[in-house]
């Protein structure tokens, strides 16, 4: 085996690993955006910052306050 074949083999190994890493990262990103980010447990495990626009965090918003201040009509 000469040097040129060795370089081609090394390049093909590194290119293959790079493609695999890119595909895994892209897959993780898509799964995170479409599915995993909706679960509070997963967000806490990954210690990601809680977003204020999340529907599970309405305690401090004006929507939650107005919902709690509504009068219930009992006839």
PDB file of N, CA and C in Angstrom:
ATOM      1  N   UNK A   1       0.850  -1.173   0.000  1.00  0.00           N
ATOM      2  CA  UNK A   1       0.000   0.000   0.000  1.00  0.00           C
ATOM      3  C   UNK A   1       0.895   1.235   0.000  1.00  0.00           C
ATOM      4  N   UNK A   2       0.656   2.130  -0.922  1.00  0.00           N
ATOM      5  CA  UNK A   2       1.480   3.331  -0.981  1.00  0.00           C
ATOM      6  C   UNK A   2       0.841   4.459  -0.176  1.00  0.00           C
ATOM      7  N   UNK A   3       1.503   5.597  -0.147  1.00  0.00           N
ATOM      8  CA  UNK A   3       1.072   6.731   0.675  1.00  0.00           C
ATOM      9  C   UNK A   3      -0.259   7.299   0.181  1.00  0.00           C
ATOM     10  N   UNK A   4      -0.458   7.342  -1.102  1.00  0.00           N
ATOM     11  CA  UNK A   4      -1.701   7.905  -1.646  1.00  0.00           C
ATOM     12  C   UNK A   4      -2.912   7.070  -1.224  1.00  0.00           C
ATOM     13  N   UNK A   5      -2.804   5.766  -1.271  1.00  0.00           N
ATOM     14  CA  UNK A   5      -3.913   4.906  -0.830  1.00  0.00           C
ATOM     15  C   UNK A   5      -4.167   5.056   0.664  1.00  0.00           C
ATOM     16  N   UNK A   6      -3.114   5.213   1.438  1.00  0.00           N
ATOM     17  CA  UNK A   6      -3.257   5.429   2.884  1.00  0.00           C
ATOM     18  C   UNK A   6      -3.967   6.727   3.190  1.00  0.00           C
ATOM     19  N   UNK A   7      -3.609   7.791   2.458  1.00  0.00           N
ATOM     20  CA  UNK A   7      -4.282   9.080   2.666  1.00  0.00           C
ATOM     21  C   UNK A   7      -5.750   9.017   2.268  1.00  0.00           C
ATOM     22  N   UNK A   8      -6.031   8.326   1.184  1.00  0.00           N
ATOM     23  CA  UNK A   8      -7.430   8.180   0.755  1.00  0.00           C
ATOM     24  C   UNK A   8      -8.228   7.386   1.792  1.00  0.00           C
ATOM     25  N   UNK A   9      -7.636   6.326   2.328  1.00  0.00           N
ATOM     26  CA  UNK A   9      -8.325   5.532   3.355  1.00  0.00           C
ATOM     27  C   UNK A   9      -8.563   6.357   4.609  1.00  0.00           C
ATOM     28  N   UNK A  10      -7.563   7.134   5.028  1.00  0.00           N
ATOM     29  CA  UNK A  10      -7.703   7.978   6.220  1.00  0.00           C
ATOM     30  C   UNK A  10      -8.769   9.047   6.002  1.00  0.00           C
ATOM     31  N   UNK A  11      -8.748   9.671   4.834  1.00  0.00           N
ATOM     32  CA  UNK A  11      -9.746  10.697   4.529  1.00  0.00           C
ATOM     33  C   UNK A  11     -11.152  10.112   4.504  1.00  0.00           C
ATOM     34  N   UNK A  12     -11.291   8.936   3.940  1.00  0.00           N
ATOM     35  CA  UNK A  12     -12.631   8.335   3.869  1.00  0.00           C
ATOM     36  C   UNK A  12     -13.145   7.964   5.256  1.00  0.00           C
ATOM     37  N   UNK A  13     -12.256   7.533   6.150  1.00  0.00           N
ATOM     38  CA  UNK A  13     -12.674   7.217   7.523  1.00  0.00           C
ATOM     39  C   UNK A  13     -13.129   8.482   8.234  1.00  0.00           C
ATOM     40  N   UNK A  14     -12.334   9.550   8.139  1.00  0.00           N
ATOM     41  CA  UNK A  14     -12.707  10.800   8.800  1.00  0.00           C
ATOM     42  C   UNK A  14     -13.971  11.410   8.192  1.00  0.00           C
ATOM     43  N   UNK A  15     -14.123  11.326   6.889  1.00  0.00           N
ATOM     44  CA  UNK A  15     -15.336  11.846   6.250  1.00  0.00           C
ATOM     45  C   UNK A  15     -16.561  11.054   6.694  1.00  0.00           C
ATOM     46  N   UNK A  16     -16.409   9.748   6.808  1.00  0.00           N
ATOM     47  CA  UNK A  16     -17.535   8.915   7.267  1.00  0.00           C
ATOM     48  C   UNK A  16     -17.920   9.256   8.698  1.00  0.00           C
ATOM     49  N   UNK A  17     -16.927   9.415   9.569  1.00  0.00           N
ATOM     50  CA  UNK A  17     -17.215   9.781  10.958  1.00  0.00           C
ATOM     51  C   UNK A  17     -17.878  11.158  11.042  1.00  0.00           C
ATOM     52  N   UNK A  18     -17.428  12.092  10.232  1.00  0.00           N
ATOM     53  CA  UNK A  18     -18.019  13.420  10.227  1.00  0.00           C
ATOM     54  C   UNK A  18     -19.480  13.374   9.777  1.00  0.00           C
ATOM     55  N   UNK A  19     -19.767  12.594   8.769  1.00  0.00           N
ATOM     56  CA  UNK A  19     -21.149  12.455   8.291  1.00  0.00           C
ATOM     57  C   UNK A  19     -22.027  11.828   9.360  1.00  0.00           C
ATOM     58  N   UNK A  20     -21.525  10.811  10.038  1.00  0.00           N
ATOM     59  CA  UNK A  20     -22.294  10.162  11.102  1.00  0.00           C
ATOM     60  C   UNK A  20     -22.569  11.132  12.247  1.00  0.00           C
ATOM     61  N   UNK A  21     -21.574  11.908  12.637  1.00  0.00           N
ATOM     62  CA  UNK A  21     -21.752  12.871  13.729  1.00  0.00           C
ATOM     63  C   UNK A  21     -22.766  13.941  13.338  1.00  0.00           C
ATOM     64  N   UNK A  22     -22.706  14.417  12.110  1.00  0.00           N
ATOM     65  CA  UNK A  22     -23.658  15.428  11.651  1.00  0.00           C
ATOM     66  C   UNK A  22     -25.081  14.877  11.641  1.00  0.00           C
ATOM     67  N   UNK A  23     -25.254  13.654  11.170  1.00  0.00           N
ATOM     68  CA  UNK A  23     -26.592  13.052  11.119  1.00  0.00           C
ATOM     69  C   UNK A  23     -27.145  12.842  12.533  1.00  0.00           C
ATOM     70  N   UNK A  24     -26.296  12.401  13.460  1.00  0.00           N
ATOM     71  CA  UNK A  24     -26.747  12.194  14.844  1.00  0.00           C
ATOM     72  C   UNK A  24     -27.139  13.528  15.480  1.00  0.00           C
ATOM     73  N   UNK A  25     -26.335  14.558  15.276  1.00  0.00           N
ATOM     74  CA  UNK A  25     -26.658  15.877  15.843  1.00  0.00           C
ATOM     75  C   UNK A  25     -27.942  16.440  15.239  1.00  0.00           C
ATOM     76  N   UNK A  26     -28.112  16.306  13.948  1.00  0.00           N
ATOM     77  CA  UNK A  26     -29.337  16.776  13.303  1.00  0.00           C
ATOM     78  C   UNK A  26     -30.554  16.005  13.810  1.00  0.00           C
ATOM     79  N   UNK A  27     -30.412  14.704  13.974  1.00  0.00           N
ATOM     80  CA  UNK A  27     -31.505  13.888  14.513  1.00  0.00           C
ATOM     81  C   UNK A  27     -31.861  14.290  15.929  1.00  0.00           C
ATOM     82  N   UNK A  28     -30.851  14.529  16.775  1.00  0.00           N
ATOM     83  CA  UNK A  28     -31.098  14.948  18.154  1.00  0.00           C
ATOM     84  C   UNK A  28     -31.810  16.294  18.172  1.00  0.00           C
ATOM     85  N   UNK A  29     -31.374  17.219  17.334  1.00  0.00           N
ATOM     86  CA  UNK A  29     -32.004  18.533  17.284  1.00  0.00           C
ATOM     87  C   UNK A  29     -33.471  18.433  16.886  1.00  0.00           C
ATOM     88  N   UNK A  30     -33.758  17.637  15.880  1.00  0.00           N
ATOM     89  CA  UNK A  30     -35.149  17.486  15.435  1.00  0.00           C
ATOM     90  C   UNK A  30     -36.009  16.821  16.497  1.00  0.00           C
ATOM     91  N   UNK A  31     -35.491  15.788  17.144  1.00  0.00           N
ATOM     92  CA  UNK A  31     -36.246  15.115  18.205  1.00  0.00           C
ATOM     93  C   UNK A  31     -36.463  16.063  19.377  1.00  0.00           C
ATOM     94  N   UNK A  32     -35.462  16.887  19.691  1.00  0.00           N
ATOM     95  CA  UNK A  32     -35.599  17.842  20.785  1.00  0.00           C
ATOM     96  C   UNK A  32     -36.687  18.871  20.465  1.00  0.00           C
ATOM     97  N   UNK A  33     -36.630  19.444  19.282  1.00  0.00           N
ATOM     98  CA  UNK A  33     -37.589  20.484  18.921  1.00  0.00           C
ATOM     99  C   UNK A  33     -39.014  19.948  18.778  1.00  0.00           C
ATOM    100  N   UNK A  34     -39.152  18.744  18.244  1.00  0.00           N
ATOM    101  CA  UNK A  34     -40.486  18.224  17.961  1.00  0.00           C
ATOM    102  C   UNK A  34     -41.108  17.457  19.122  1.00  0.00           C
ATOM    103  N   UNK A  35     -40.293  16.920  20.042  1.00  0.00           N
ATOM    104  CA  UNK A  35     -40.861  16.027  21.040  1.00  0.00           C
ATOM    105  C   UNK A  35     -40.331  16.268  22.454  1.00  0.00           C
ATOM    106  N   UNK A  36     -39.032  16.176  22.647  1.00  0.00           N
ATOM    107  CA  UNK A  36     -38.479  16.143  23.999  1.00  0.00           C
ATOM    108  C   UNK A  36     -38.597  17.458  24.752  1.00  0.00           C
ATOM    109  N   UNK A  37     -38.583  18.590  24.073  1.00  0.00           N
ATOM    110  CA  UNK A  37     -38.619  19.874  24.766  1.00  0.00           C
ATOM    111  C   UNK A  37     -39.956  20.126  25.458  1.00  0.00           C
ATOM    112  N   UNK A  38     -40.947  19.330  25.154  1.00  0.00           N
ATOM    113  CA  UNK A  38     -42.266  19.513  25.783  1.00  0.00           C
ATOM    114  C   UNK A  38     -42.359  18.894  27.170  1.00  0.00           C
ATOM    115  N   UNK A  39     -41.393  18.080  27.554  1.00  0.00           N
ATOM    116  CA  UNK A  39     -41.437  17.398  28.837  1.00  0.00           C
ATOM    117  C   UNK A  39     -40.536  18.107  29.840  1.00  0.00           C
ATOM    118  N   UNK A  40     -41.120  18.496  30.957  1.00  0.00           N
ATOM    119  CA  UNK A  40     -40.388  19.234  31.972  1.00  0.00           C
ATOM    120  C   UNK A  40     -39.249  18.398  32.551  1.00  0.00           C
ATOM    121  N   UNK A  41     -39.455  17.113  32.734  1.00  0.00           N
ATOM    122  CA  UNK A  41     -38.420  16.258  33.298  1.00  0.00           C
ATOM    123  C   UNK A  41     -37.172  16.244  32.429  1.00  0.00           C
ATOM    124  N   UNK A  42     -37.347  16.150  31.135  1.00  0.00           N
ATOM    125  CA  UNK A  42     -36.198  16.123  30.226  1.00  0.00           C
ATOM    126  C   UNK A  42     -35.475  17.458  30.257  1.00  0.00           C
ATOM    127  N   UNK A  43     -36.227  18.566  30.304  1.00  0.00           N
ATOM    128  CA  UNK A  43     -35.594  19.887  30.387  1.00  0.00           C
ATOM    129  C   UNK A  43     -34.798  20.019  31.674  1.00  0.00           C
ATOM    130  N   UNK A  44     -35.336  19.518  32.784  1.00  0.00           N
ATOM    131  CA  UNK A  44     -34.617  19.599  34.048  1.00  0.00           C
ATOM    132  C   UNK A  44     -33.388  18.708  34.045  1.00  0.00           C
ATOM    133  N   UNK A  45     -33.498  17.535  33.441  1.00  0.00           N
ATOM    134  CA  UNK A  45     -32.339  16.650  33.373  1.00  0.00           C
ATOM    135  C   UNK A  45     -31.202  17.271  32.570  1.00  0.00           C
ATOM    136  N   UNK A  46     -31.536  17.962  31.532  1.00  0.00           N
ATOM    137  CA  UNK A  46     -30.527  18.612  30.705  1.00  0.00           C
ATOM    138  C   UNK A  46     -30.223  20.020  31.184  1.00  0.00           C
ATOM    139  N   UNK A  47     -30.881  20.428  32.257  1.00  0.00           N
ATOM    140  CA  UNK A  47     -30.723  21.741  32.893  1.00  0.00           C
ATOM    141  C   UNK A  47     -30.762  22.877  31.895  1.00  0.00           C
ATOM    142  N   UNK A  48     -31.725  22.814  31.010  1.00  0.00           N
ATOM    143  CA  UNK A  48     -31.892  23.904  30.057  1.00  0.00           C
ATOM    144  C   UNK A  48     -32.681  25.028  30.706  1.00  0.00           C
ATOM    145  N   UNK A  49     -32.525  26.198  30.197  1.00  0.00           N
ATOM    146  CA  UNK A  49     -33.229  27.360  30.741  1.00  0.00           C
ATOM    147  C   UNK A  49     -34.709  27.248  30.429  1.00  0.00           C
ATOM    148  N   UNK A  50     -35.533  27.586  31.412  1.00  0.00           N
ATOM    149  CA  UNK A  50     -36.979  27.529  31.204  1.00  0.00           C
ATOM    150  C   UNK A  50     -37.405  28.759  30.426  1.00  0.00           C
ATOM    151  N   UNK A  51     -38.191  28.535  29.398  1.00  0.00           N
ATOM    152  CA  UNK A  51     -38.636  29.650  28.574  1.00  0.00           C
ATOM    153  C   UNK A  51     -39.924  30.234  29.139  1.00  0.00           C
ATOM    154  N   UNK A  52     -40.070  31.527  28.992  1.00  0.00           N
ATOM    155  CA  UNK A  52     -41.251  32.202  29.524  1.00  0.00           C
ATOM    156  C   UNK A  52     -42.481  31.969  28.665  1.00  0.00           C
ATOM    157  N   UNK A  53     -42.287  31.566  27.414  1.00  0.00           N
ATOM    158  CA  UNK A  53     -43.429  31.357  26.533  1.00  0.00           C
ATOM    159  C   UNK A  53     -43.985  29.947  26.597  1.00  0.00           C
ATOM    160  N   UNK A  54     -43.448  29.132  27.477  1.00  0.00           N
ATOM    161  CA  UNK A  54     -43.919  27.763  27.614  1.00  0.00           C
ATOM    162  C   UNK A  54     -45.304  27.754  28.252  1.00  0.00           C
ATOM    163  N   UNK A  55     -46.228  26.933  27.765  1.00  0.00           N
ATOM    164  CA  UNK A  55     -47.572  26.914  28.341  1.00  0.00           C
ATOM    165  C   UNK A  55     -47.616  26.359  29.755  1.00  0.00           C
ATOM    166  N   UNK A  56     -46.575  25.680  30.208  1.00  0.00           N
ATOM    167  CA  UNK A  56     -46.577  25.127  31.558  1.00  0.00           C
ATOM    168  C   UNK A  56     -46.127  26.138  32.596  1.00  0.00           C
ATOM    169  N   UNK A  57     -45.679  27.317  32.169  1.00  0.00           N
ATOM    170  CA  UNK A  57     -45.173  28.313  33.100  1.00  0.00           C
ATOM    171  C   UNK A  57     -46.014  29.576  33.029  1.00  0.00           C
ATOM    172  N   UNK A  58     -47.286  29.471  33.422  1.00  0.00           N
ATOM    173  CA  UNK A  58     -48.198  30.606  33.371  1.00  0.00           C
ATOM    174  C   UNK A  58     -48.408  31.247  34.737  1.00  0.00           C
ATOM    175  N   UNK A  59     -47.712  30.799  35.775  1.00  0.00           N
ATOM    176  CA  UNK A  59     -47.979  31.287  37.118  1.00  0.00           C
ATOM    177  C   UNK A  59     -47.767  32.789  37.252  1.00  0.00           C
ATOM    178  N   UNK A  60     -46.765  33.339  36.610  1.00  0.00           N
ATOM    179  CA  UNK A  60     -46.481  34.758  36.752  1.00  0.00           C
ATOM    180  C   UNK A  60     -47.098  35.610  35.671  1.00  0.00           C
ATOM    181  N   UNK A  61     -47.773  35.045  34.738  1.00  0.00           N
ATOM    182  CA  UNK A  61     -48.294  35.825  33.621  1.00  0.00           C
ATOM    183  C   UNK A  61     -49.650  36.432  33.959  1.00  0.00           C
ATOM    184  N   UNK A  62     -50.053  37.394  33.143  1.00  0.00           N
ATOM    185  CA  UNK A  62     -51.337  38.054  33.375  1.00  0.00           C
ATOM    186  C   UNK A  62     -52.503  37.122  33.061  1.00  0.00           C
ATOM    187  N   UNK A  63     -52.278  36.148  32.163  1.00  0.00           N
ATOM    188  CA  UNK A  63     -53.347  35.190  31.851  1.00  0.00           C
ATOM    189  C   UNK A  63     -53.709  34.366  33.083  1.00  0.00           C
ATOM    190  N   UNK A  64     -52.707  33.938  33.802  1.00  0.00           N
ATOM    191  CA  UNK A  64     -52.970  33.124  34.996  1.00  0.00           C
ATOM    192  C   UNK A  64     -53.653  33.950  36.073  1.00  0.00           C
ATOM    193  N   UNK A  65     -53.252  35.205  36.209  1.00  0.00           N
ATOM    194  CA  UNK A  65     -53.877  36.065  37.220  1.00  0.00           C
ATOM    195  C   UNK A  65     -55.333  36.345  36.882  1.00  0.00           C
ATOM    196  N   UNK A  66     -55.605  36.620  35.604  1.00  0.00           N
ATOM    197  CA  UNK A  66     -56.989  36.901  35.235  1.00  0.00           C
ATOM    198  C   UNK A  66     -57.846  35.643  35.330  1.00  0.00           C
ATOM    199  N   UNK A  67     -57.271  34.515  35.078  1.00  0.00           N
ATOM    200  CA  UNK A  67     -58.015  33.260  35.188  1.00  0.00           C
ATOM    201  C   UNK A  67     -58.361  32.974  36.646  1.00  0.00           C
ATOM    202  N   UNK A  68     -57.445  33.303  37.571  1.00  0.00           N
ATOM    203  CA  UNK A  68     -57.699  33.053  38.986  1.00  0.00           C
ATOM    204  C   UNK A  68     -58.670  34.065  39.584  1.00  0.00           C
ATOM    205  N   UNK A  69     -58.796  35.246  38.984  1.00  0.00           N
ATOM    206  CA  UNK A  69     -59.664  36.285  39.522  1.00  0.00           C
ATOM    207  C   UNK A  69     -61.080  36.229  38.974  1.00  0.00           C
ATOM    208  N   UNK A  70     -61.384  35.312  38.126  1.00  0.00           N
ATOM    209  CA  UNK A  70     -62.741  35.212  37.572  1.00  0.00           C
ATOM    210  C   UNK A  70     -63.713  34.763  38.659  1.00  0.00           C
ATOM    211  N   UNK A  71     -64.869  35.359  38.617  1.00  0.00           N
ATOM    212  CA  UNK A  71     -65.889  34.989  39.604  1.00  0.00           C
ATOM    213  C   UNK A  71     -66.688  33.830  39.047  1.00  0.00           C
ATOM    214  N   UNK A  72     -66.938  32.876  39.902  1.00  0.00           N
ATOM    215  CA  UNK A  72     -67.709  31.706  39.515  1.00  0.00           C
ATOM    216  C   UNK A  72     -69.160  31.952  39.871  1.00  0.00           C
ATOM    217  N   UNK A  73     -70.029  31.774  38.924  1.00  0.00           N
ATOM    218  CA  UNK A  73     -71.443  32.004  39.141  1.00  0.00           C
ATOM    219  C   UNK A  73     -72.089  30.701  39.576  1.00  0.00           C
ATOM    220  N   UNK A  74     -72.700  30.734  40.741  1.00  0.00           N
ATOM    221  CA  UNK A  74     -73.339  29.522  41.275  1.00  0.00           C
ATOM    222  C   UNK A  74     -74.828  29.792  41.433  1.00  0.00           C
ATOM    223  N   UNK A  75     -75.587  29.241  40.532  1.00  0.00           N
ATOM    224  CA  UNK A  75     -77.044  29.438  40.573  1.00  0.00           C
ATOM    225  C   UNK A  75     -77.734  28.285  41.205  1.00  0.00           C
TER     226      UNK A  75
END
